[in-house]
Amino acid sequence: MKYKTTIVLRDKKYEVKAGSTLLSALKKLEILPESVICVRGGELITEDSILKDGETIKLVSVISGG
C-alpha cells in the first residue's frame, strides 16, 4: 500500500509519497521552495516538515516586486 500526500498549486494537484520532507517533494515536482508558501490545515509549514498520509498541502505562489 502506498501512502500519499496531495500537493495543490493553483488548479493542479500532485500526488507525492508521504513520509518524505516537503522540500524533497517540491524538488521532485520542480517547484522552487522560495516561490511558494506552504500551508497545511490553515497553518504555515516549513520545508523540513514530514508529509503525512492522506493530507493535503496547499501551495500559495509568492509574488515579489522589484
N, C-alpha and C. Protein backbone atom coordinates (compact mmCIF):
# COMPACT_ATOMS: atom_id res chain seq x y z
N MET A 1 0.84 -1.19 0.00
CA MET A 1 0.00 0.00 0.00
C MET A 1 0.89 1.25 0.00
N LYS A 2 0.61 2.15 -0.89
CA LYS A 2 1.39 3.38 -0.98
C LYS A 2 0.69 4.48 -0.19
N TYR A 3 1.49 5.23 0.54
CA TYR A 3 0.95 6.34 1.30
C TYR A 3 1.20 7.61 0.51
N LYS A 4 0.15 8.43 0.38
CA LYS A 4 0.27 9.60 -0.47
C LYS A 4 -0.17 10.87 0.23
N THR A 5 0.46 11.94 -0.19
CA THR A 5 0.09 13.29 0.20
C THR A 5 -0.27 14.03 -1.08
N THR A 6 -1.30 14.85 -1.01
CA THR A 6 -1.68 15.66 -2.16
C THR A 6 -1.13 17.07 -1.98
N ILE A 7 -0.47 17.55 -3.03
CA ILE A 7 0.03 18.93 -3.03
C ILE A 7 -0.75 19.69 -4.10
N VAL A 8 -1.31 20.83 -3.71
CA VAL A 8 -2.14 21.62 -4.61
C VAL A 8 -1.45 22.95 -4.89
N LEU A 9 -1.24 23.23 -6.18
CA LEU A 9 -0.67 24.51 -6.61
C LEU A 9 -1.58 25.06 -7.69
N ARG A 10 -2.20 26.18 -7.40
CA ARG A 10 -3.20 26.77 -8.29
C ARG A 10 -4.29 25.74 -8.56
N ASP A 11 -4.51 25.35 -9.81
CA ASP A 11 -5.56 24.39 -10.14
C ASP A 11 -5.02 22.98 -10.34
N LYS A 12 -3.76 22.77 -10.03
CA LYS A 12 -3.15 21.46 -10.27
C LYS A 12 -2.95 20.70 -8.96
N LYS A 13 -3.22 19.39 -9.02
CA LYS A 13 -3.00 18.53 -7.86
C LYS A 13 -1.91 17.53 -8.19
N TYR A 14 -1.00 17.34 -7.27
CA TYR A 14 0.10 16.39 -7.43
C TYR A 14 0.05 15.39 -6.29
N GLU A 15 0.30 14.13 -6.60
CA GLU A 15 0.38 13.09 -5.58
C GLU A 15 1.86 12.82 -5.32
N VAL A 16 2.27 12.90 -4.08
CA VAL A 16 3.65 12.60 -3.71
C VAL A 16 3.66 11.59 -2.58
N LYS A 17 4.81 10.97 -2.38
CA LYS A 17 4.94 9.95 -1.35
C LYS A 17 4.96 10.57 0.03
N ALA A 18 4.12 10.07 0.91
CA ALA A 18 4.12 10.52 2.30
C ALA A 18 5.37 9.98 2.99
N GLY A 19 5.79 10.65 4.04
CA GLY A 19 6.96 10.21 4.79
C GLY A 19 8.23 10.95 4.41
N SER A 20 8.21 11.64 3.28
CA SER A 20 9.37 12.43 2.89
C SER A 20 9.18 13.87 3.38
N THR A 21 10.20 14.68 3.21
CA THR A 21 10.07 16.08 3.63
C THR A 21 9.39 16.88 2.53
N LEU A 22 8.84 17.99 2.94
CA LEU A 22 8.20 18.89 1.97
C LEU A 22 9.23 19.36 0.95
N LEU A 23 10.45 19.65 1.39
CA LEU A 23 11.49 20.12 0.48
C LEU A 23 11.78 19.08 -0.62
N SER A 24 11.90 17.82 -0.25
CA SER A 24 12.19 16.80 -1.26
C SER A 24 11.02 16.65 -2.24
N ALA A 25 9.80 16.79 -1.75
CA ALA A 25 8.63 16.72 -2.64
C ALA A 25 8.62 17.89 -3.62
N LEU A 26 8.93 19.09 -3.13
CA LEU A 26 8.96 20.26 -4.01
C LEU A 26 10.03 20.11 -5.08
N LYS A 27 11.19 19.59 -4.69
CA LYS A 27 12.27 19.39 -5.67
C LYS A 27 11.85 18.38 -6.73
N LYS A 28 11.20 17.31 -6.30
CA LYS A 28 10.74 16.28 -7.24
C LYS A 28 9.73 16.85 -8.24
N LEU A 29 8.91 17.79 -7.78
CA LEU A 29 7.90 18.42 -8.63
C LEU A 29 8.47 19.61 -9.41
N GLU A 30 9.75 19.89 -9.19
CA GLU A 30 10.44 21.02 -9.83
C GLU A 30 9.77 22.36 -9.50
N ILE A 31 9.43 22.51 -8.23
CA ILE A 31 8.85 23.76 -7.72
C ILE A 31 9.90 24.40 -6.82
N LEU A 32 10.26 25.63 -7.10
CA LEU A 32 11.24 26.34 -6.28
C LEU A 32 10.65 26.63 -4.90
N PRO A 33 11.29 26.15 -3.83
CA PRO A 33 10.76 26.39 -2.48
C PRO A 33 10.59 27.87 -2.16
N GLU A 34 11.47 28.70 -2.73
CA GLU A 34 11.40 30.14 -2.46
C GLU A 34 10.19 30.80 -3.13
N SER A 35 9.57 30.10 -4.07
CA SER A 35 8.48 30.70 -4.85
C SER A 35 7.09 30.43 -4.27
N VAL A 36 7.03 29.64 -3.19
CA VAL A 36 5.72 29.29 -2.63
C VAL A 36 5.72 29.37 -1.10
N ILE A 37 4.52 29.57 -0.56
CA ILE A 37 4.26 29.44 0.87
C ILE A 37 3.44 28.17 1.02
N CYS A 38 3.82 27.34 1.97
CA CYS A 38 3.18 26.03 2.13
C CYS A 38 2.27 26.04 3.35
N VAL A 39 1.03 25.56 3.13
CA VAL A 39 0.01 25.60 4.18
C VAL A 39 -0.59 24.21 4.38
N ARG A 40 -0.67 23.79 5.65
CA ARG A 40 -1.30 22.51 6.00
C ARG A 40 -2.33 22.81 7.09
N GLY A 41 -3.59 22.52 6.79
CA GLY A 41 -4.64 22.73 7.79
C GLY A 41 -4.74 24.17 8.26
N GLY A 42 -4.49 25.10 7.37
CA GLY A 42 -4.60 26.52 7.71
C GLY A 42 -3.37 27.10 8.38
N GLU A 43 -2.32 26.30 8.58
CA GLU A 43 -1.10 26.79 9.23
C GLU A 43 0.09 26.67 8.29
N LEU A 44 0.98 27.66 8.36
CA LEU A 44 2.20 27.62 7.56
C LEU A 44 3.09 26.49 8.06
N ILE A 45 3.72 25.80 7.11
CA ILE A 45 4.68 24.75 7.49
C ILE A 45 6.01 25.03 6.81
N THR A 46 7.06 24.46 7.35
CA THR A 46 8.40 24.69 6.82
C THR A 46 8.82 23.56 5.89
N GLU A 47 9.90 23.79 5.17
CA GLU A 47 10.40 22.83 4.18
C GLU A 47 10.83 21.50 4.80
N ASP A 48 11.16 21.51 6.09
CA ASP A 48 11.60 20.27 6.73
C ASP A 48 10.45 19.48 7.36
N SER A 49 9.22 19.94 7.13
CA SER A 49 8.05 19.20 7.63
C SER A 49 7.92 17.86 6.92
N ILE A 50 7.53 16.83 7.67
CA ILE A 50 7.34 15.50 7.10
C ILE A 50 5.91 15.39 6.59
N LEU A 51 5.76 14.92 5.37
CA LEU A 51 4.44 14.77 4.76
C LEU A 51 3.74 13.55 5.33
N LYS A 52 2.46 13.70 5.65
CA LYS A 52 1.69 12.63 6.26
C LYS A 52 0.69 12.04 5.26
N ASP A 53 0.39 10.78 5.45
CA ASP A 53 -0.54 10.08 4.57
C ASP A 53 -1.92 10.72 4.59
N GLY A 54 -2.46 10.94 3.40
CA GLY A 54 -3.83 11.43 3.27
C GLY A 54 -4.03 12.92 3.44
N GLU A 55 -2.97 13.65 3.76
CA GLU A 55 -3.15 15.08 3.96
C GLU A 55 -3.00 15.85 2.65
N THR A 56 -3.47 17.08 2.68
CA THR A 56 -3.34 17.97 1.52
C THR A 56 -2.54 19.19 1.93
N ILE A 57 -1.53 19.50 1.14
CA ILE A 57 -0.70 20.69 1.34
C ILE A 57 -1.05 21.68 0.24
N LYS A 58 -1.39 22.89 0.62
CA LYS A 58 -1.69 23.92 -0.37
C LYS A 58 -0.48 24.83 -0.52
N LEU A 59 -0.13 25.09 -1.77
CA LEU A 59 0.98 26.00 -2.06
C LEU A 59 0.42 27.30 -2.59
N VAL A 60 0.89 28.39 -2.02
CA VAL A 60 0.47 29.72 -2.44
C VAL A 60 1.67 30.40 -3.07
N SER A 61 1.53 30.83 -4.32
CA SER A 61 2.63 31.49 -5.01
C SER A 61 2.97 32.82 -4.35
N VAL A 62 4.27 33.06 -4.23
CA VAL A 62 4.76 34.30 -3.67
C VAL A 62 5.06 35.24 -4.82
N ILE A 63 4.56 36.45 -4.71
CA ILE A 63 4.83 37.44 -5.76
C ILE A 63 5.74 38.49 -5.16
N SER A 64 6.88 38.71 -5.81
CA SER A 64 7.80 39.71 -5.30
C SER A 64 7.94 40.83 -6.31
N GLY A 65 8.03 42.02 -5.81
CA GLY A 65 8.21 43.17 -6.69
C GLY A 65 9.67 43.57 -6.74
N GLY A 66 9.96 44.51 -7.62
CA GLY A 66 11.36 44.90 -7.68
C GLY A 66 11.57 46.19 -8.36
